[in-house]
């Protein structure tokens, strides 16, 4: 992989079958180099989340890939995970860093807000996510524009992640100005997620 090419950050589906998904994930990780996986579950059932974390952690660590979990700070150490991804901008970053220590990964999703991103970075976030970058009917509909990524890449040292409604065209456009692409639903809805991920990676140039 070219050194200046963005890295891949993989999101799990919001729900998945424990007896099927780990094998699919393993095939994807074997096909394309991935820097980090986010366990991004919709479930609020603690037992279900813990079992999913166990299954995904085993596959991730077999492939030497870091695994973070969305929002559940208390499960990071308990489940042997590498960190947490926070979805409330900069609000919880300082508390997460204090709870998890200097070595844990702490990331923050900041929508399209440069201000939130800067606050998250100052509070100790290891990376900041902006998105969605494409058309989406979810959330407020506010897009993170290319200008935001270009400004951030030039001015701020904290790595930046492009996430949400990513297409081949968006990936090609943002590749020069982002450090990571976060891909999830874009590949899992395909019959062959590994092949779809390879296709999208090719758009990075």
N, C-alpha and C. Protein backbone atom coordinates (compact mmCIF):
# COMPACT_ATOMS: atom_id res chain seq x y z
N UNK A 1 0.84 -1.19 0.00
CA UNK A 1 0.00 0.00 0.00
C UNK A 1 0.88 1.25 0.00
N UNK A 2 0.56 2.18 -0.84
CA UNK A 2 1.32 3.43 -0.91
C UNK A 2 1.23 4.17 0.42
N UNK A 3 2.34 4.77 0.84
CA UNK A 3 2.38 5.42 2.15
C UNK A 3 1.42 6.60 2.26
N UNK A 4 1.19 7.29 1.14
CA UNK A 4 0.32 8.45 1.22
C UNK A 4 -1.14 8.12 0.90
N UNK A 5 -1.40 6.84 0.66
CA UNK A 5 -2.79 6.44 0.43
C UNK A 5 -3.51 6.33 1.77
N UNK A 6 -4.76 6.78 1.85
CA UNK A 6 -5.50 6.66 3.12
C UNK A 6 -5.58 5.20 3.57
N UNK A 7 -5.72 5.02 4.87
CA UNK A 7 -5.87 3.68 5.42
C UNK A 7 -7.36 3.35 5.57
N UNK A 8 -7.62 2.07 5.80
CA UNK A 8 -9.00 1.61 5.91
C UNK A 8 -9.40 1.42 7.36
N UNK A 9 -10.62 1.85 7.65
CA UNK A 9 -11.21 1.73 8.97
C UNK A 9 -12.56 1.05 8.71
N UNK A 10 -12.72 -0.15 9.24
CA UNK A 10 -13.89 -0.97 8.91
C UNK A 10 -14.92 -0.94 10.02
N UNK A 11 -16.17 -0.67 9.65
CA UNK A 11 -17.27 -0.70 10.62
C UNK A 11 -18.02 -2.02 10.48
N UNK A 12 -18.36 -2.64 11.60
CA UNK A 12 -19.20 -3.84 11.53
C UNK A 12 -20.63 -3.43 11.17
N UNK A 13 -21.43 -4.38 10.68
CA UNK A 13 -22.86 -4.08 10.51
C UNK A 13 -23.49 -3.82 11.87
N UNK A 14 -24.64 -3.12 11.91
CA UNK A 14 -25.30 -2.85 13.19
C UNK A 14 -25.85 -4.11 13.86
N UNK A 15 -26.15 -5.13 13.06
CA UNK A 15 -26.54 -6.44 13.59
C UNK A 15 -25.90 -7.50 12.71
N UNK A 16 -25.54 -8.61 13.31
CA UNK A 16 -24.99 -9.72 12.51
C UNK A 16 -25.13 -11.04 13.27
N UNK A 17 -25.06 -12.13 12.49
CA UNK A 17 -25.17 -13.47 13.05
C UNK A 17 -23.78 -13.91 13.54
N UNK A 18 -23.70 -14.30 14.81
CA UNK A 18 -22.41 -14.67 15.39
C UNK A 18 -21.80 -15.91 14.75
N UNK A 19 -22.63 -16.75 14.17
CA UNK A 19 -22.10 -17.98 13.56
C UNK A 19 -21.71 -17.77 12.09
N UNK A 20 -21.95 -16.57 11.55
CA UNK A 20 -21.65 -16.30 10.14
C UNK A 20 -20.62 -15.17 9.98
N UNK A 21 -20.86 -14.06 10.68
CA UNK A 21 -20.08 -12.85 10.42
C UNK A 21 -18.57 -12.98 10.67
N UNK A 22 -18.12 -13.63 11.76
CA UNK A 22 -16.67 -13.70 11.97
C UNK A 22 -15.90 -14.29 10.78
N UNK A 23 -16.48 -15.29 10.14
CA UNK A 23 -15.81 -15.90 8.98
C UNK A 23 -15.77 -14.93 7.80
N UNK A 24 -16.87 -14.20 7.59
CA UNK A 24 -16.92 -13.20 6.52
C UNK A 24 -15.90 -12.10 6.80
N UNK A 25 -15.84 -11.64 8.04
CA UNK A 25 -14.89 -10.61 8.44
C UNK A 25 -13.45 -11.08 8.21
N UNK A 26 -13.19 -12.31 8.57
CA UNK A 26 -11.84 -12.86 8.39
C UNK A 26 -11.43 -12.86 6.91
N UNK A 27 -12.37 -13.17 6.04
CA UNK A 27 -12.08 -13.16 4.59
C UNK A 27 -11.76 -11.74 4.11
N UNK A 28 -12.53 -10.77 4.62
CA UNK A 28 -12.29 -9.37 4.25
C UNK A 28 -10.90 -8.92 4.73
N UNK A 29 -10.56 -9.26 5.97
CA UNK A 29 -9.27 -8.85 6.53
C UNK A 29 -8.10 -9.54 5.83
N UNK A 30 -8.38 -10.72 5.29
CA UNK A 30 -7.34 -11.44 4.55
C UNK A 30 -7.14 -10.87 3.15
N UNK A 31 -8.15 -10.16 2.64
CA UNK A 31 -8.10 -9.67 1.26
C UNK A 31 -7.50 -8.27 1.15
N UNK A 32 -7.75 -7.45 2.17
CA UNK A 32 -7.35 -6.04 2.10
C UNK A 32 -6.77 -5.63 3.46
N UNK A 33 -5.74 -4.80 3.45
CA UNK A 33 -5.13 -4.34 4.69
C UNK A 33 -6.05 -3.31 5.38
N UNK A 34 -6.39 -3.62 6.63
CA UNK A 34 -7.29 -2.76 7.41
C UNK A 34 -6.55 -2.31 8.66
N UNK A 35 -6.67 -1.02 9.00
CA UNK A 35 -5.95 -0.48 10.16
C UNK A 35 -6.72 -0.67 11.46
N UNK A 36 -8.05 -0.57 11.39
CA UNK A 36 -8.86 -0.58 12.60
C UNK A 36 -10.27 -1.03 12.27
N UNK A 37 -10.91 -1.71 13.23
CA UNK A 37 -12.31 -2.12 13.10
C UNK A 37 -13.10 -1.45 14.23
N UNK A 38 -14.31 -1.00 13.89
CA UNK A 38 -15.21 -0.45 14.91
C UNK A 38 -16.41 -1.38 15.07
N UNK A 39 -16.62 -1.84 16.30
CA UNK A 39 -17.81 -2.62 16.60
C UNK A 39 -18.95 -1.62 16.79
N UNK A 40 -19.80 -1.50 15.76
CA UNK A 40 -20.82 -0.44 15.70
C UNK A 40 -22.20 -1.07 15.76
N UNK A 41 -22.55 -1.62 16.92
CA UNK A 41 -23.79 -2.37 17.05
C UNK A 41 -24.97 -1.48 17.44
N UNK A 42 -26.13 -1.82 16.91
CA UNK A 42 -27.36 -1.11 17.27
C UNK A 42 -27.90 -1.61 18.61
N UNK A 43 -27.54 -2.82 19.00
CA UNK A 43 -28.10 -3.45 20.19
C UNK A 43 -27.70 -2.73 21.48
N UNK A 44 -28.64 -2.70 22.44
CA UNK A 44 -28.33 -2.20 23.78
C UNK A 44 -28.42 -3.36 24.79
N UNK A 45 -28.40 -4.58 24.28
CA UNK A 45 -28.42 -5.77 25.12
C UNK A 45 -26.97 -6.08 25.50
N UNK A 46 -26.64 -5.90 26.77
CA UNK A 46 -25.24 -6.02 27.21
C UNK A 46 -24.64 -7.38 26.86
N UNK A 47 -25.40 -8.44 27.11
CA UNK A 47 -24.89 -9.78 26.84
C UNK A 47 -24.61 -9.97 25.35
N UNK A 48 -25.52 -9.50 24.51
CA UNK A 48 -25.35 -9.63 23.06
C UNK A 48 -24.13 -8.84 22.58
N UNK A 49 -23.96 -7.64 23.12
CA UNK A 49 -22.82 -6.80 22.74
C UNK A 49 -21.51 -7.47 23.17
N UNK A 50 -21.48 -8.02 24.37
CA UNK A 50 -20.26 -8.67 24.87
C UNK A 50 -19.90 -9.90 24.05
N UNK A 51 -20.91 -10.68 23.68
CA UNK A 51 -20.63 -11.87 22.86
C UNK A 51 -20.13 -11.47 21.47
N UNK A 52 -20.72 -10.42 20.91
CA UNK A 52 -20.26 -9.93 19.60
C UNK A 52 -18.83 -9.40 19.71
N UNK A 53 -18.55 -8.69 20.80
CA UNK A 53 -17.20 -8.14 21.01
C UNK A 53 -16.17 -9.27 21.10
N UNK A 54 -16.51 -10.33 21.80
CA UNK A 54 -15.60 -11.48 21.91
C UNK A 54 -15.29 -12.07 20.54
N UNK A 55 -16.35 -12.26 19.75
CA UNK A 55 -16.19 -12.91 18.43
C UNK A 55 -15.37 -12.04 17.48
N UNK A 56 -15.67 -10.75 17.45
CA UNK A 56 -14.96 -9.85 16.53
C UNK A 56 -13.53 -9.62 17.00
N UNK A 57 -13.33 -9.51 18.32
CA UNK A 57 -11.96 -9.31 18.85
C UNK A 57 -11.05 -10.47 18.45
N UNK A 58 -11.57 -11.67 18.53
CA UNK A 58 -10.76 -12.84 18.18
C UNK A 58 -10.27 -12.76 16.73
N UNK A 59 -11.18 -12.40 15.82
CA UNK A 59 -10.81 -12.29 14.40
C UNK A 59 -9.87 -11.11 14.18
N UNK A 60 -10.20 -9.97 14.77
CA UNK A 60 -9.38 -8.76 14.59
C UNK A 60 -7.96 -9.00 15.04
N UNK A 61 -7.80 -9.57 16.23
CA UNK A 61 -6.46 -9.74 16.78
C UNK A 61 -5.69 -10.85 16.07
N UNK A 62 -6.40 -11.84 15.52
CA UNK A 62 -5.73 -12.85 14.68
C UNK A 62 -5.08 -12.19 13.47
N UNK A 63 -5.72 -11.14 12.97
CA UNK A 63 -5.20 -10.42 11.79
C UNK A 63 -4.38 -9.19 12.19
N UNK A 64 -4.13 -9.04 13.48
CA UNK A 64 -3.33 -7.92 13.99
C UNK A 64 -3.95 -6.57 13.65
N UNK A 65 -5.28 -6.49 13.84
CA UNK A 65 -6.02 -5.26 13.56
C UNK A 65 -6.64 -4.76 14.87
N UNK A 66 -6.52 -3.47 15.14
CA UNK A 66 -7.08 -2.89 16.36
C UNK A 66 -8.61 -2.92 16.30
N UNK A 67 -9.24 -3.07 17.47
CA UNK A 67 -10.71 -3.09 17.55
C UNK A 67 -11.18 -2.08 18.59
N UNK A 68 -12.02 -1.14 18.14
CA UNK A 68 -12.65 -0.20 19.07
C UNK A 68 -14.16 -0.47 19.08
N UNK A 69 -14.81 -0.03 20.15
CA UNK A 69 -16.25 -0.23 20.27
C UNK A 69 -16.93 1.13 20.33
N UNK A 70 -18.11 1.20 19.75
CA UNK A 70 -18.85 2.46 19.72
C UNK A 70 -19.48 2.74 21.08
N UNK A 71 -19.02 3.81 21.72
CA UNK A 71 -19.62 4.42 22.93
C UNK A 71 -19.49 3.65 24.24
N UNK A 72 -19.37 2.33 24.23
CA UNK A 72 -19.42 1.57 25.49
C UNK A 72 -18.05 1.56 26.18
N UNK A 73 -17.71 2.67 26.80
CA UNK A 73 -16.40 2.83 27.43
C UNK A 73 -16.12 1.73 28.44
N UNK A 74 -17.13 1.34 29.21
CA UNK A 74 -16.92 0.35 30.27
C UNK A 74 -16.56 -1.03 29.74
N UNK A 75 -16.90 -1.31 28.49
CA UNK A 75 -16.62 -2.64 27.94
C UNK A 75 -15.22 -2.76 27.35
N UNK A 76 -14.51 -1.66 27.21
CA UNK A 76 -13.20 -1.70 26.54
C UNK A 76 -12.24 -2.60 27.28
N UNK A 77 -12.00 -2.32 28.55
CA UNK A 77 -11.05 -3.13 29.32
C UNK A 77 -11.63 -4.50 29.62
N UNK A 78 -12.92 -4.55 29.93
CA UNK A 78 -13.55 -5.81 30.29
C UNK A 78 -13.47 -6.83 29.15
N UNK A 79 -13.58 -6.35 27.90
CA UNK A 79 -13.59 -7.25 26.75
C UNK A 79 -12.24 -7.31 26.03
N UNK A 80 -11.24 -6.65 26.57
CA UNK A 80 -9.91 -6.69 25.96
C UNK A 80 -9.84 -5.98 24.61
N UNK A 81 -10.55 -4.85 24.50
CA UNK A 81 -10.58 -4.11 23.24
C UNK A 81 -9.51 -3.01 23.25
N UNK A 82 -9.30 -2.40 22.11
CA UNK A 82 -8.21 -1.44 21.98
C UNK A 82 -8.63 0.00 22.23
N UNK A 83 -9.94 0.26 22.31
CA UNK A 83 -10.37 1.62 22.55
C UNK A 83 -11.85 1.82 22.27
N UNK A 84 -12.23 3.11 22.17
CA UNK A 84 -13.64 3.46 22.04
C UNK A 84 -13.80 4.53 20.95
N UNK A 85 -14.92 4.45 20.25
CA UNK A 85 -15.30 5.47 19.28
C UNK A 85 -16.54 6.17 19.84
N UNK A 86 -16.45 7.48 20.01
CA UNK A 86 -17.54 8.25 20.62
C UNK A 86 -18.34 8.97 19.55
N UNK A 87 -19.65 8.93 19.69
CA UNK A 87 -20.51 9.51 18.64
C UNK A 87 -21.07 10.87 19.03
N UNK A 88 -20.62 11.43 20.17
CA UNK A 88 -21.18 12.70 20.63
C UNK A 88 -20.17 13.85 20.51
N UNK A 89 -19.38 13.82 19.45
CA UNK A 89 -18.43 14.90 19.23
C UNK A 89 -17.35 14.91 20.30
N UNK A 90 -17.07 16.10 20.84
CA UNK A 90 -15.98 16.24 21.81
C UNK A 90 -16.43 16.00 23.25
N UNK A 91 -17.74 15.82 23.47
CA UNK A 91 -18.27 15.86 24.83
C UNK A 91 -17.68 14.82 25.79
N UNK A 92 -17.45 13.61 25.31
CA UNK A 92 -17.01 12.54 26.22
C UNK A 92 -15.53 12.20 26.08
N UNK A 93 -14.82 12.91 25.24
CA UNK A 93 -13.42 12.53 24.94
C UNK A 93 -12.55 12.58 26.19
N UNK A 94 -12.63 13.68 26.93
CA UNK A 94 -11.76 13.82 28.10
C UNK A 94 -12.04 12.73 29.14
N UNK A 95 -13.32 12.44 29.37
CA UNK A 95 -13.69 11.40 30.34
C UNK A 95 -13.22 10.02 29.88
N UNK A 96 -13.36 9.76 28.57
CA UNK A 96 -12.92 8.47 28.03
C UNK A 96 -11.41 8.32 28.16
N UNK A 97 -10.68 9.37 27.86
CA UNK A 97 -9.23 9.32 27.97
C UNK A 97 -8.81 9.06 29.42
N UNK A 98 -9.48 9.74 30.34
CA UNK A 98 -9.16 9.56 31.76
C UNK A 98 -9.46 8.13 32.21
N UNK A 99 -10.59 7.58 31.75
CA UNK A 99 -11.00 6.23 32.16
C UNK A 99 -10.11 5.15 31.55
N UNK A 100 -9.68 5.35 30.31
CA UNK A 100 -8.99 4.28 29.58
C UNK A 100 -7.47 4.42 29.55
N UNK A 101 -6.96 5.60 29.89
CA UNK A 101 -5.52 5.78 29.91
C UNK A 101 -4.96 6.21 28.57
N UNK A 102 -3.65 6.47 28.59
CA UNK A 102 -2.99 7.07 27.43
C UNK A 102 -2.87 6.12 26.24
N UNK A 103 -2.83 4.80 26.50
CA UNK A 103 -2.56 3.86 25.41
C UNK A 103 -3.79 3.45 24.61
N UNK A 104 -4.98 3.67 25.16
CA UNK A 104 -6.20 3.27 24.46
C UNK A 104 -6.47 4.22 23.29
N UNK A 105 -7.13 3.69 22.27
CA UNK A 105 -7.58 4.52 21.15
C UNK A 105 -8.88 5.21 21.55
N UNK A 106 -8.94 6.52 21.38
CA UNK A 106 -10.17 7.27 21.60
C UNK A 106 -10.44 8.10 20.34
N UNK A 107 -11.56 7.81 19.68
CA UNK A 107 -11.93 8.54 18.48
C UNK A 107 -13.26 9.25 18.67
N UNK A 108 -13.51 10.26 17.85
CA UNK A 108 -14.74 11.04 18.01
C UNK A 108 -15.36 11.35 16.65
N UNK A 109 -16.66 11.12 16.55
CA UNK A 109 -17.41 11.51 15.36
C UNK A 109 -17.94 12.92 15.57
N UNK A 110 -17.63 13.82 14.66
CA UNK A 110 -17.96 15.24 14.85
C UNK A 110 -18.82 15.81 13.74
N UNK A 111 -19.53 14.94 13.01
CA UNK A 111 -20.44 15.41 11.98
C UNK A 111 -19.71 16.24 10.93
N UNK A 112 -20.15 17.48 10.77
CA UNK A 112 -19.49 18.38 9.82
C UNK A 112 -18.96 19.61 10.54
N UNK A 113 -18.70 19.47 11.86
CA UNK A 113 -18.33 20.62 12.69
C UNK A 113 -16.83 20.71 12.90
N UNK A 114 -16.21 21.68 12.28
CA UNK A 114 -14.79 21.93 12.49
C UNK A 114 -14.53 22.24 13.96
N UNK A 115 -15.43 23.00 14.57
CA UNK A 115 -15.29 23.40 15.97
C UNK A 115 -15.28 22.17 16.89
N UNK A 116 -16.25 21.26 16.69
CA UNK A 116 -16.28 20.03 17.49
C UNK A 116 -15.02 19.21 17.28
N UNK A 117 -14.58 19.14 16.03
CA UNK A 117 -13.36 18.37 15.72
C UNK A 117 -12.15 18.92 16.46
N UNK A 118 -11.99 20.25 16.44
CA UNK A 118 -10.86 20.87 17.13
C UNK A 118 -10.95 20.64 18.64
N UNK A 119 -12.15 20.74 19.20
CA UNK A 119 -12.33 20.49 20.63
C UNK A 119 -12.00 19.05 20.99
N UNK A 120 -12.41 18.11 20.12
CA UNK A 120 -12.12 16.70 20.37
C UNK A 120 -10.61 16.45 20.34
N UNK A 121 -9.94 17.04 19.37
CA UNK A 121 -8.49 16.89 19.28
C UNK A 121 -7.80 17.45 20.51
N UNK A 122 -8.23 18.62 20.95
CA UNK A 122 -7.63 19.25 22.14
C UNK A 122 -7.92 18.44 23.40
N UNK A 123 -9.04 17.72 23.43
CA UNK A 123 -9.41 16.93 24.60
C UNK A 123 -8.69 15.58 24.64
N UNK A 124 -7.98 15.24 23.56
CA UNK A 124 -7.18 14.01 23.57
C UNK A 124 -7.62 12.93 22.60
N UNK A 125 -8.47 13.25 21.63
CA UNK A 125 -8.88 12.24 20.64
C UNK A 125 -7.70 11.85 19.75
N UNK A 126 -7.63 10.56 19.43
CA UNK A 126 -6.58 10.06 18.54
C UNK A 126 -6.93 10.29 17.08
N UNK A 127 -8.21 10.40 16.79
CA UNK A 127 -8.67 10.72 15.44
C UNK A 127 -10.03 11.38 15.53
N UNK A 128 -10.38 12.10 14.47
CA UNK A 128 -11.69 12.74 14.36
C UNK A 128 -12.34 12.28 13.08
N UNK A 129 -13.62 11.89 13.16
CA UNK A 129 -14.41 11.47 12.00
C UNK A 129 -15.34 12.60 11.58
N UNK A 130 -15.38 12.87 10.28
CA UNK A 130 -16.37 13.79 9.74
C UNK A 130 -17.24 13.03 8.73
N UNK A 131 -18.53 13.39 8.66
CA UNK A 131 -19.42 12.76 7.72
C UNK A 131 -20.88 13.11 8.04
N UNK A 132 -21.81 12.66 7.22
CA UNK A 132 -21.55 11.89 6.00
C UNK A 132 -20.96 12.76 4.91
N UNK A 133 -20.23 12.10 4.02
CA UNK A 133 -19.59 12.85 2.93
C UNK A 133 -20.43 12.82 1.66
N UNK A 134 -21.44 11.93 1.63
CA UNK A 134 -22.32 11.85 0.48
C UNK A 134 -23.76 12.11 0.87
N UNK A 135 -24.66 11.95 -0.07
CA UNK A 135 -26.08 12.17 0.19
C UNK A 135 -26.62 11.11 1.14
N UNK A 136 -27.25 11.55 2.21
CA UNK A 136 -27.83 10.62 3.17
C UNK A 136 -29.11 11.22 3.75
N UNK A 137 -30.13 10.40 3.86
CA UNK A 137 -31.37 10.85 4.47
C UNK A 137 -31.35 10.75 5.98
N UNK A 138 -30.24 10.25 6.53
CA UNK A 138 -30.13 10.07 7.98
C UNK A 138 -29.59 11.34 8.64
N UNK A 139 -29.83 11.45 9.94
CA UNK A 139 -29.32 12.60 10.69
C UNK A 139 -29.93 13.90 10.21
N UNK A 140 -29.14 14.97 10.22
CA UNK A 140 -29.65 16.29 9.86
C UNK A 140 -29.56 16.55 8.36
N UNK A 141 -28.86 15.68 7.65
CA UNK A 141 -28.66 15.89 6.22
C UNK A 141 -27.48 16.79 5.91
N UNK A 142 -26.81 17.30 6.97
CA UNK A 142 -25.63 18.16 6.76
C UNK A 142 -24.45 17.31 6.31
N UNK A 143 -23.84 17.69 5.21
CA UNK A 143 -22.71 16.94 4.68
C UNK A 143 -21.39 17.54 5.14
N UNK A 144 -20.40 16.66 5.31
CA UNK A 144 -19.03 17.12 5.55
C UNK A 144 -18.39 17.32 4.17
N UNK A 145 -18.11 18.55 3.81
CA UNK A 145 -17.63 18.87 2.47
C UNK A 145 -16.12 18.67 2.35
N UNK A 146 -15.67 18.59 1.12
CA UNK A 146 -14.25 18.37 0.86
C UNK A 146 -13.39 19.47 1.48
N UNK A 147 -13.90 20.70 1.47
CA UNK A 147 -13.14 21.83 2.03
C UNK A 147 -12.76 21.60 3.49
N UNK A 148 -13.66 20.97 4.25
CA UNK A 148 -13.39 20.69 5.66
C UNK A 148 -12.20 19.74 5.79
N UNK A 149 -12.20 18.68 4.98
CA UNK A 149 -11.09 17.72 5.03
C UNK A 149 -9.78 18.36 4.57
N UNK A 150 -9.86 19.18 3.52
CA UNK A 150 -8.66 19.84 2.99
C UNK A 150 -8.06 20.77 4.05
N UNK A 151 -8.94 21.56 4.70
CA UNK A 151 -8.47 22.48 5.74
C UNK A 151 -7.85 21.69 6.89
N UNK A 152 -8.56 20.65 7.34
CA UNK A 152 -8.10 19.86 8.49
C UNK A 152 -6.74 19.22 8.19
N UNK A 153 -6.60 18.62 7.03
CA UNK A 153 -5.35 17.94 6.66
C UNK A 153 -4.18 18.90 6.64
N UNK A 154 -4.45 20.14 6.26
CA UNK A 154 -3.38 21.14 6.16
C UNK A 154 -3.03 21.75 7.52
N UNK A 155 -4.04 21.93 8.37
CA UNK A 155 -3.86 22.71 9.60
C UNK A 155 -3.72 21.89 10.88
N UNK A 156 -4.29 20.69 10.91
CA UNK A 156 -4.40 19.93 12.16
C UNK A 156 -3.64 18.61 12.04
N UNK A 157 -2.92 18.25 13.10
CA UNK A 157 -2.13 17.01 13.07
C UNK A 157 -2.96 15.77 13.39
N UNK A 158 -4.06 15.93 14.11
CA UNK A 158 -4.89 14.77 14.49
C UNK A 158 -5.43 14.12 13.21
N UNK A 159 -5.25 12.80 13.04
CA UNK A 159 -5.75 12.13 11.84
C UNK A 159 -7.26 12.32 11.64
N UNK A 160 -7.66 12.41 10.37
CA UNK A 160 -9.07 12.63 10.05
C UNK A 160 -9.62 11.45 9.26
N UNK A 161 -10.87 11.11 9.56
CA UNK A 161 -11.54 9.96 8.96
C UNK A 161 -12.77 10.45 8.20
N UNK A 162 -12.93 10.00 6.96
CA UNK A 162 -14.14 10.29 6.17
C UNK A 162 -15.10 9.12 6.32
N UNK A 163 -16.35 9.43 6.65
CA UNK A 163 -17.32 8.37 6.96
C UNK A 163 -18.70 8.74 6.46
N UNK A 164 -19.44 7.74 5.97
CA UNK A 164 -20.85 7.93 5.68
C UNK A 164 -21.17 8.21 4.23
N UNK A 165 -21.98 7.34 3.62
CA UNK A 165 -22.45 7.51 2.24
C UNK A 165 -21.29 7.64 1.26
N UNK A 166 -20.27 6.82 1.48
CA UNK A 166 -19.09 6.86 0.60
C UNK A 166 -19.36 6.11 -0.70
N UNK A 167 -19.02 6.75 -1.81
CA UNK A 167 -19.12 6.14 -3.13
C UNK A 167 -17.72 6.12 -3.73
N UNK A 168 -17.60 5.43 -4.84
CA UNK A 168 -16.31 5.41 -5.55
C UNK A 168 -15.86 6.83 -5.87
N UNK A 169 -16.79 7.66 -6.35
CA UNK A 169 -16.45 9.03 -6.73
C UNK A 169 -16.00 9.85 -5.52
N UNK A 170 -16.70 9.68 -4.39
CA UNK A 170 -16.34 10.42 -3.17
C UNK A 170 -14.98 9.99 -2.67
N UNK A 171 -14.70 8.70 -2.74
CA UNK A 171 -13.39 8.19 -2.30
C UNK A 171 -12.28 8.75 -3.16
N UNK A 172 -12.50 8.77 -4.46
CA UNK A 172 -11.49 9.31 -5.38
C UNK A 172 -11.25 10.79 -5.07
N UNK A 173 -12.33 11.52 -4.79
CA UNK A 173 -12.24 12.95 -4.54
C UNK A 173 -11.54 13.26 -3.21
N UNK A 174 -11.83 12.46 -2.17
CA UNK A 174 -11.32 12.76 -0.83
C UNK A 174 -9.97 12.12 -0.52
N UNK A 175 -9.54 11.17 -1.33
CA UNK A 175 -8.29 10.44 -1.04
C UNK A 175 -7.10 11.35 -0.75
N UNK A 176 -6.92 12.47 -1.47
CA UNK A 176 -5.76 13.32 -1.17
C UNK A 176 -5.85 14.10 0.13
N UNK A 177 -7.05 14.18 0.75
CA UNK A 177 -7.22 15.07 1.90
C UNK A 177 -7.74 14.37 3.16
N UNK A 178 -7.73 13.03 3.17
CA UNK A 178 -8.15 12.32 4.39
C UNK A 178 -7.13 11.25 4.72
N UNK A 179 -7.08 10.89 6.01
CA UNK A 179 -6.12 9.86 6.46
C UNK A 179 -6.74 8.47 6.45
N UNK A 180 -8.05 8.40 6.67
CA UNK A 180 -8.75 7.11 6.73
C UNK A 180 -10.10 7.23 6.03
N UNK A 181 -10.54 6.11 5.47
CA UNK A 181 -11.93 5.97 5.03
C UNK A 181 -12.59 4.92 5.92
N UNK A 182 -13.74 5.27 6.51
CA UNK A 182 -14.51 4.34 7.33
C UNK A 182 -15.61 3.73 6.47
N UNK A 183 -15.50 2.45 6.22
CA UNK A 183 -16.45 1.75 5.35
C UNK A 183 -17.16 0.66 6.12
N UNK A 184 -18.47 0.57 5.94
CA UNK A 184 -19.24 -0.45 6.63
C UNK A 184 -20.38 -0.93 5.75
N UNK A 185 -21.53 -0.26 5.86
CA UNK A 185 -22.69 -0.65 5.06
C UNK A 185 -22.37 -0.67 3.56
N UNK A 186 -21.39 0.16 3.17
CA UNK A 186 -21.02 0.21 1.74
C UNK A 186 -20.57 -1.15 1.22
N UNK A 187 -19.99 -1.98 2.10
CA UNK A 187 -19.53 -3.30 1.63
C UNK A 187 -20.40 -4.45 2.12
N UNK A 188 -20.99 -4.32 3.32
CA UNK A 188 -21.71 -5.47 3.88
C UNK A 188 -22.99 -5.79 3.12
N UNK A 189 -23.54 -4.81 2.41
CA UNK A 189 -24.77 -5.11 1.66
C UNK A 189 -24.46 -5.82 0.34
N UNK A 190 -23.16 -5.95 0.04
CA UNK A 190 -22.75 -6.66 -1.18
C UNK A 190 -22.71 -8.17 -0.92
N UNK A 191 -22.91 -8.95 -1.97
CA UNK A 191 -22.82 -10.41 -1.82
C UNK A 191 -21.40 -10.85 -1.56
N UNK A 192 -20.42 -10.07 -2.00
CA UNK A 192 -19.01 -10.39 -1.78
C UNK A 192 -18.32 -9.15 -1.19
N UNK A 193 -18.38 -8.99 0.15
CA UNK A 193 -17.84 -7.79 0.79
C UNK A 193 -16.35 -7.57 0.49
N UNK A 194 -15.57 -8.64 0.44
CA UNK A 194 -14.13 -8.50 0.18
C UNK A 194 -13.88 -7.91 -1.20
N UNK A 195 -14.62 -8.39 -2.19
CA UNK A 195 -14.47 -7.88 -3.56
C UNK A 195 -14.93 -6.42 -3.64
N UNK A 196 -16.02 -6.10 -2.95
CA UNK A 196 -16.52 -4.73 -2.95
C UNK A 196 -15.51 -3.79 -2.29
N UNK A 197 -14.89 -4.24 -1.20
CA UNK A 197 -13.89 -3.41 -0.54
C UNK A 197 -12.69 -3.18 -1.44
N UNK A 198 -12.27 -4.22 -2.14
CA UNK A 198 -11.15 -4.08 -3.09
C UNK A 198 -11.49 -3.05 -4.17
N UNK A 199 -12.73 -3.08 -4.64
CA UNK A 199 -13.16 -2.15 -5.69
C UNK A 199 -13.09 -0.71 -5.19
N UNK A 200 -13.54 -0.50 -3.95
CA UNK A 200 -13.51 0.85 -3.39
C UNK A 200 -12.08 1.30 -3.08
N UNK A 201 -11.25 0.39 -2.64
CA UNK A 201 -9.84 0.71 -2.37
C UNK A 201 -9.15 1.16 -3.64
N UNK A 202 -9.51 0.51 -4.76
CA UNK A 202 -8.90 0.88 -6.05
C UNK A 202 -9.16 2.34 -6.41
N UNK A 203 -10.28 2.88 -5.90
CA UNK A 203 -10.63 4.28 -6.19
C UNK A 203 -9.74 5.28 -5.46
N UNK A 204 -8.97 4.78 -4.48
CA UNK A 204 -8.08 5.67 -3.74
C UNK A 204 -6.88 6.10 -4.57
N UNK A 205 -6.64 5.39 -5.67
CA UNK A 205 -5.53 5.75 -6.55
C UNK A 205 -4.24 5.06 -6.19
